[in-house]
């Protein structure tokens, strides 16, 4: 039942994301299938967030021996990454409205984290 609810939640989030993208006419200006960073600050900020989160995850699992099966923390890291991405896109690239989609993804990831954390 838990897996079915996660799958349904993912479907609702993807449909909402595509609907928002179509409704607000958000442009996707990346030349490839991967995300393109806005500038060097954006790239370095995301790398720092990933490095700090990996160090924190390894420290809590290997040194403190705490929460070995806590895959929910990766969802929280993704929420922080999308929140940072949304702030940087709003600051440096406001006209593309891509920051709204990043904020939507961040809130969706945070809600998924809270749901998994509270229900499991």
N, C-alpha and C. Protein backbone atom coordinates (compact mmCIF):
# COMPACT_ATOMS: atom_id res chain seq x y z
N UNK A 1 0.82 -1.20 0.00
CA UNK A 1 0.00 0.00 0.00
C UNK A 1 0.87 1.27 0.00
N UNK A 2 1.98 1.19 0.73
CA UNK A 2 2.87 2.35 0.81
C UNK A 2 3.48 2.66 -0.56
N UNK A 3 3.91 1.61 -1.28
CA UNK A 3 4.51 1.83 -2.59
C UNK A 3 3.50 2.40 -3.57
N UNK A 4 2.27 1.94 -3.49
CA UNK A 4 1.22 2.45 -4.38
C UNK A 4 0.97 3.93 -4.11
N UNK A 5 0.95 4.31 -2.84
CA UNK A 5 0.72 5.72 -2.52
C UNK A 5 1.88 6.60 -2.99
N UNK A 6 3.12 6.09 -2.90
CA UNK A 6 4.28 6.85 -3.40
C UNK A 6 4.19 7.00 -4.91
N UNK A 7 3.82 5.94 -5.60
CA UNK A 7 3.69 6.00 -7.06
C UNK A 7 2.59 6.98 -7.46
N UNK A 8 1.45 6.94 -6.78
CA UNK A 8 0.38 7.88 -7.08
C UNK A 8 0.80 9.32 -6.80
N UNK A 9 1.52 9.52 -5.72
CA UNK A 9 2.02 10.86 -5.41
C UNK A 9 2.96 11.35 -6.51
N UNK A 10 3.84 10.48 -6.98
CA UNK A 10 4.77 10.85 -8.04
C UNK A 10 4.02 11.20 -9.33
N UNK A 11 2.99 10.44 -9.64
CA UNK A 11 2.19 10.72 -10.84
C UNK A 11 1.51 12.08 -10.73
N UNK A 12 0.94 12.38 -9.56
CA UNK A 12 0.28 13.67 -9.35
C UNK A 12 1.27 14.82 -9.47
N UNK A 13 2.47 14.64 -8.90
CA UNK A 13 3.49 15.70 -8.97
C UNK A 13 3.94 15.93 -10.41
N UNK A 14 4.16 14.87 -11.16
CA UNK A 14 4.59 15.02 -12.56
C UNK A 14 3.50 15.68 -13.39
N UNK A 15 2.26 15.27 -13.20
CA UNK A 15 1.15 15.89 -13.94
C UNK A 15 1.03 17.37 -13.58
N UNK A 16 1.15 17.69 -12.29
CA UNK A 16 1.10 19.09 -11.86
C UNK A 16 2.24 19.91 -12.44
N UNK A 17 3.43 19.31 -12.48
CA UNK A 17 4.61 19.98 -13.05
C UNK A 17 4.39 20.28 -14.53
N UNK A 18 3.93 19.29 -15.28
CA UNK A 18 3.69 19.49 -16.72
C UNK A 18 2.57 20.49 -16.96
N UNK A 19 1.53 20.45 -16.13
CA UNK A 19 0.42 21.39 -16.27
C UNK A 19 0.90 22.81 -16.01
N UNK A 20 1.68 23.00 -14.94
CA UNK A 20 2.19 24.35 -14.64
C UNK A 20 3.10 24.85 -15.75
N UNK A 21 3.91 23.96 -16.29
CA UNK A 21 4.83 24.34 -17.36
C UNK A 21 4.07 24.79 -18.61
N UNK A 22 2.98 24.07 -18.91
CA UNK A 22 2.19 24.43 -20.08
C UNK A 22 1.35 25.68 -19.82
N UNK A 23 0.76 25.78 -18.65
CA UNK A 23 -0.13 26.89 -18.34
C UNK A 23 0.61 28.22 -18.27
N UNK A 24 1.81 28.22 -17.68
CA UNK A 24 2.57 29.46 -17.53
C UNK A 24 3.53 29.70 -18.68
N UNK A 25 3.56 28.79 -19.64
CA UNK A 25 4.42 28.90 -20.83
C UNK A 25 5.88 29.11 -20.43
N UNK A 26 6.37 28.21 -19.60
CA UNK A 26 7.74 28.28 -19.12
C UNK A 26 8.65 27.72 -20.19
N UNK A 27 9.70 28.47 -20.50
CA UNK A 27 10.66 28.00 -21.50
C UNK A 27 11.71 27.14 -20.83
N UNK A 28 12.16 26.15 -21.56
CA UNK A 28 13.22 25.26 -21.08
C UNK A 28 14.39 25.45 -22.01
N UNK A 29 15.37 26.23 -21.59
CA UNK A 29 16.45 26.66 -22.47
C UNK A 29 17.73 25.87 -22.25
N UNK A 30 17.64 24.58 -22.08
CA UNK A 30 18.82 23.74 -21.97
C UNK A 30 19.00 23.01 -23.30
N UNK A 31 20.23 22.93 -23.76
CA UNK A 31 20.49 22.31 -25.05
C UNK A 31 20.45 20.79 -24.98
N UNK A 32 20.67 20.23 -23.83
CA UNK A 32 20.71 18.78 -23.67
C UNK A 32 19.62 18.30 -22.74
N UNK A 33 19.63 17.01 -22.44
CA UNK A 33 18.60 16.46 -21.56
C UNK A 33 18.83 16.81 -20.09
N UNK A 34 20.05 17.21 -19.73
CA UNK A 34 20.36 17.54 -18.35
C UNK A 34 20.13 19.02 -18.07
N UNK A 35 20.04 19.33 -16.80
CA UNK A 35 19.81 20.70 -16.38
C UNK A 35 21.06 21.56 -16.63
N UNK A 36 20.86 22.76 -17.10
CA UNK A 36 21.96 23.68 -17.36
C UNK A 36 21.97 24.74 -16.25
N UNK A 37 23.12 24.92 -15.62
CA UNK A 37 23.23 25.91 -14.56
C UNK A 37 23.21 27.32 -15.14
N UNK A 38 22.73 28.26 -14.35
CA UNK A 38 22.62 29.63 -14.81
C UNK A 38 23.98 30.30 -14.90
N UNK A 39 24.75 30.18 -13.84
CA UNK A 39 26.09 30.78 -13.82
C UNK A 39 26.98 29.96 -12.88
N UNK A 40 28.19 30.43 -12.68
CA UNK A 40 29.16 29.69 -11.86
C UNK A 40 28.74 29.64 -10.39
N UNK A 41 28.12 30.72 -9.90
CA UNK A 41 27.62 30.73 -8.52
C UNK A 41 26.61 29.62 -8.29
N UNK A 42 25.73 29.44 -9.24
CA UNK A 42 24.72 28.39 -9.16
C UNK A 42 25.38 27.01 -9.12
N UNK A 43 26.34 26.79 -9.98
CA UNK A 43 27.05 25.51 -10.03
C UNK A 43 27.78 25.23 -8.73
N UNK A 44 28.53 26.21 -8.24
CA UNK A 44 29.30 26.01 -7.01
C UNK A 44 28.39 25.85 -5.80
N UNK A 45 27.29 26.58 -5.76
CA UNK A 45 26.34 26.44 -4.65
C UNK A 45 25.74 25.05 -4.58
N UNK A 46 25.34 24.51 -5.73
CA UNK A 46 24.78 23.16 -5.74
C UNK A 46 25.83 22.12 -5.38
N UNK A 47 27.06 22.31 -5.84
CA UNK A 47 28.12 21.37 -5.47
C UNK A 47 28.40 21.40 -3.97
N UNK A 48 28.37 22.58 -3.38
CA UNK A 48 28.58 22.69 -1.94
C UNK A 48 27.45 22.02 -1.17
N UNK A 49 26.21 22.22 -1.60
CA UNK A 49 25.08 21.58 -0.94
C UNK A 49 25.19 20.06 -1.03
N UNK A 50 25.55 19.55 -2.19
CA UNK A 50 25.69 18.10 -2.35
C UNK A 50 26.83 17.57 -1.49
N UNK A 51 27.96 18.27 -1.46
CA UNK A 51 29.10 17.81 -0.66
C UNK A 51 28.78 17.81 0.83
N UNK A 52 28.17 18.88 1.32
CA UNK A 52 27.82 18.95 2.74
C UNK A 52 26.80 17.88 3.10
N UNK A 53 25.82 17.67 2.24
CA UNK A 53 24.80 16.66 2.54
C UNK A 53 25.39 15.25 2.51
N UNK A 54 26.29 14.96 1.58
CA UNK A 54 26.93 13.64 1.57
C UNK A 54 27.78 13.41 2.81
N UNK A 55 28.51 14.43 3.22
CA UNK A 55 29.30 14.30 4.45
C UNK A 55 28.39 14.08 5.65
N UNK A 56 27.28 14.81 5.72
CA UNK A 56 26.35 14.65 6.83
C UNK A 56 25.71 13.26 6.81
N UNK A 57 25.34 12.77 5.63
CA UNK A 57 24.73 11.44 5.54
C UNK A 57 25.71 10.36 5.96
N UNK A 58 26.94 10.42 5.48
CA UNK A 58 27.93 9.42 5.86
C UNK A 58 28.27 9.52 7.35
N UNK A 59 28.34 10.72 7.88
CA UNK A 59 28.67 10.89 9.29
C UNK A 59 27.57 10.30 10.18
N UNK A 60 26.31 10.59 9.84
CA UNK A 60 25.23 10.07 10.68
C UNK A 60 25.10 8.56 10.58
N UNK A 61 25.47 7.99 9.45
CA UNK A 61 25.33 6.55 9.30
C UNK A 61 26.54 5.78 9.79
N UNK A 62 27.73 6.24 9.48
CA UNK A 62 28.93 5.47 9.81
C UNK A 62 29.50 5.81 11.18
N UNK A 63 29.51 7.07 11.55
CA UNK A 63 30.10 7.45 12.83
C UNK A 63 29.08 7.31 13.96
N UNK A 64 27.91 7.87 13.77
CA UNK A 64 26.90 7.82 14.82
C UNK A 64 26.08 6.53 14.79
N UNK A 65 26.17 5.78 13.69
CA UNK A 65 25.38 4.56 13.48
C UNK A 65 23.89 4.83 13.72
N UNK A 66 23.41 5.83 13.04
CA UNK A 66 22.05 6.31 13.25
C UNK A 66 21.30 6.27 11.92
N UNK A 67 20.13 5.69 11.93
CA UNK A 67 19.22 5.65 10.77
C UNK A 67 19.87 5.02 9.54
N UNK A 68 20.17 3.77 9.62
CA UNK A 68 20.81 3.09 8.49
C UNK A 68 19.89 2.99 7.28
N UNK A 69 18.61 2.78 7.49
CA UNK A 69 17.71 2.59 6.35
C UNK A 69 16.93 3.87 6.03
N UNK A 70 17.46 5.00 6.34
CA UNK A 70 16.76 6.26 6.15
C UNK A 70 17.02 6.81 4.75
N UNK A 71 16.31 6.30 3.78
CA UNK A 71 16.41 6.80 2.41
C UNK A 71 15.68 8.12 2.25
N UNK A 72 14.89 8.49 3.26
CA UNK A 72 14.14 9.73 3.18
C UNK A 72 15.05 10.96 3.15
N UNK A 73 16.24 10.82 3.69
CA UNK A 73 17.15 11.96 3.74
C UNK A 73 17.57 12.41 2.34
N UNK A 74 17.62 11.50 1.40
CA UNK A 74 17.94 11.87 0.02
C UNK A 74 16.83 12.74 -0.58
N UNK A 75 15.59 12.45 -0.19
CA UNK A 75 14.48 13.29 -0.65
C UNK A 75 14.62 14.70 -0.09
N UNK A 76 15.06 14.81 1.16
CA UNK A 76 15.27 16.11 1.77
C UNK A 76 16.40 16.88 1.08
N UNK A 77 17.45 16.19 0.71
CA UNK A 77 18.56 16.83 -0.01
C UNK A 77 18.06 17.36 -1.36
N UNK A 78 17.25 16.58 -2.05
CA UNK A 78 16.69 17.05 -3.32
C UNK A 78 15.80 18.27 -3.12
N UNK A 79 15.05 18.30 -2.03
CA UNK A 79 14.22 19.47 -1.74
C UNK A 79 15.08 20.71 -1.52
N UNK A 80 16.20 20.56 -0.79
CA UNK A 80 17.10 21.70 -0.59
C UNK A 80 17.73 22.14 -1.90
N UNK A 81 18.10 21.19 -2.74
CA UNK A 81 18.70 21.55 -4.04
C UNK A 81 17.72 22.34 -4.90
N UNK A 82 16.47 21.88 -4.94
CA UNK A 82 15.48 22.60 -5.74
C UNK A 82 15.15 23.96 -5.13
N UNK A 83 15.16 24.07 -3.81
CA UNK A 83 14.91 25.37 -3.19
C UNK A 83 16.03 26.35 -3.53
N UNK A 84 17.28 25.89 -3.46
CA UNK A 84 18.41 26.74 -3.84
C UNK A 84 18.33 27.13 -5.31
N UNK A 85 17.98 26.16 -6.14
CA UNK A 85 17.85 26.42 -7.57
C UNK A 85 16.76 27.47 -7.84
N UNK A 86 15.67 27.37 -7.11
CA UNK A 86 14.58 28.32 -7.29
C UNK A 86 15.00 29.74 -6.90
N UNK A 87 15.73 29.86 -5.79
CA UNK A 87 16.19 31.18 -5.35
C UNK A 87 17.16 31.78 -6.36
N UNK A 88 18.09 30.98 -6.84
CA UNK A 88 19.08 31.49 -7.80
C UNK A 88 18.41 31.84 -9.13
N UNK A 89 17.48 31.02 -9.59
CA UNK A 89 16.78 31.32 -10.84
C UNK A 89 15.94 32.58 -10.70
N UNK A 90 15.33 32.77 -9.55
CA UNK A 90 14.54 33.98 -9.34
C UNK A 90 15.44 35.22 -9.35
N UNK A 91 16.61 35.07 -8.78
CA UNK A 91 17.53 36.21 -8.67
C UNK A 91 18.16 36.58 -10.02
N UNK A 92 18.60 35.57 -10.77
CA UNK A 92 19.40 35.85 -11.97
C UNK A 92 18.64 35.66 -13.29
N UNK A 93 17.55 34.91 -13.28
CA UNK A 93 16.87 34.61 -14.54
C UNK A 93 15.36 34.65 -14.32
N UNK A 94 14.86 35.81 -13.91
CA UNK A 94 13.47 35.94 -13.52
C UNK A 94 12.50 35.83 -14.70
N UNK A 95 12.92 36.25 -15.88
CA UNK A 95 11.98 36.32 -17.01
C UNK A 95 11.58 34.95 -17.55
N UNK A 96 12.34 33.90 -17.26
CA UNK A 96 12.00 32.58 -17.80
C UNK A 96 10.93 31.86 -16.99
N UNK A 97 10.65 32.30 -15.78
CA UNK A 97 9.67 31.70 -14.88
C UNK A 97 10.00 30.26 -14.50
N UNK A 98 11.22 29.84 -14.75
CA UNK A 98 11.65 28.49 -14.38
C UNK A 98 11.70 28.34 -12.86
N UNK A 99 11.87 29.45 -12.15
CA UNK A 99 11.96 29.39 -10.69
C UNK A 99 10.66 28.90 -10.06
N UNK A 100 9.54 29.14 -10.72
CA UNK A 100 8.26 28.66 -10.19
C UNK A 100 8.19 27.14 -10.22
N UNK A 101 8.70 26.54 -11.28
CA UNK A 101 8.71 25.08 -11.36
C UNK A 101 9.68 24.48 -10.35
N UNK A 102 10.80 25.14 -10.14
CA UNK A 102 11.75 24.65 -9.14
C UNK A 102 11.16 24.76 -7.73
N UNK A 103 10.45 25.84 -7.46
CA UNK A 103 9.80 25.98 -6.16
C UNK A 103 8.72 24.92 -5.97
N UNK A 104 7.95 24.64 -7.02
CA UNK A 104 6.93 23.59 -6.96
C UNK A 104 7.57 22.24 -6.66
N UNK A 105 8.67 21.94 -7.32
CA UNK A 105 9.35 20.67 -7.10
C UNK A 105 9.93 20.60 -5.69
N UNK A 106 10.43 21.72 -5.19
CA UNK A 106 10.97 21.75 -3.83
C UNK A 106 9.88 21.49 -2.79
N UNK A 107 8.76 22.15 -2.94
CA UNK A 107 7.65 21.95 -2.00
C UNK A 107 7.12 20.53 -2.10
N UNK A 108 7.02 20.00 -3.31
CA UNK A 108 6.56 18.62 -3.48
C UNK A 108 7.51 17.63 -2.83
N UNK A 109 8.81 17.85 -2.98
CA UNK A 109 9.79 16.96 -2.35
C UNK A 109 9.73 17.07 -0.83
N UNK A 110 9.53 18.28 -0.33
CA UNK A 110 9.43 18.46 1.12
C UNK A 110 8.18 17.78 1.67
N UNK A 111 7.07 17.88 0.96
CA UNK A 111 5.85 17.19 1.39
C UNK A 111 6.02 15.68 1.34
N UNK A 112 6.71 15.19 0.32
CA UNK A 112 6.99 13.75 0.24
C UNK A 112 7.86 13.31 1.41
N UNK A 113 8.87 14.10 1.74
CA UNK A 113 9.74 13.78 2.88
C UNK A 113 8.94 13.73 4.17
N UNK A 114 8.10 14.75 4.39
CA UNK A 114 7.32 14.77 5.62
C UNK A 114 6.33 13.62 5.68
N UNK A 115 5.71 13.29 4.55
CA UNK A 115 4.78 12.17 4.53
C UNK A 115 5.46 10.85 4.81
N UNK A 116 6.60 10.63 4.21
CA UNK A 116 7.33 9.38 4.43
C UNK A 116 7.86 9.32 5.86
N UNK A 117 8.33 10.44 6.37
CA UNK A 117 8.90 10.48 7.72
C UNK A 117 7.82 10.25 8.78
N UNK A 118 6.64 10.78 8.55
CA UNK A 118 5.58 10.65 9.54
C UNK A 118 4.84 9.32 9.45
N UNK A 119 4.74 8.76 8.25
CA UNK A 119 3.95 7.55 8.07
C UNK A 119 4.74 6.27 8.17
N UNK A 120 6.06 6.35 8.09
CA UNK A 120 6.86 5.12 8.14
C UNK A 120 7.47 4.96 9.51
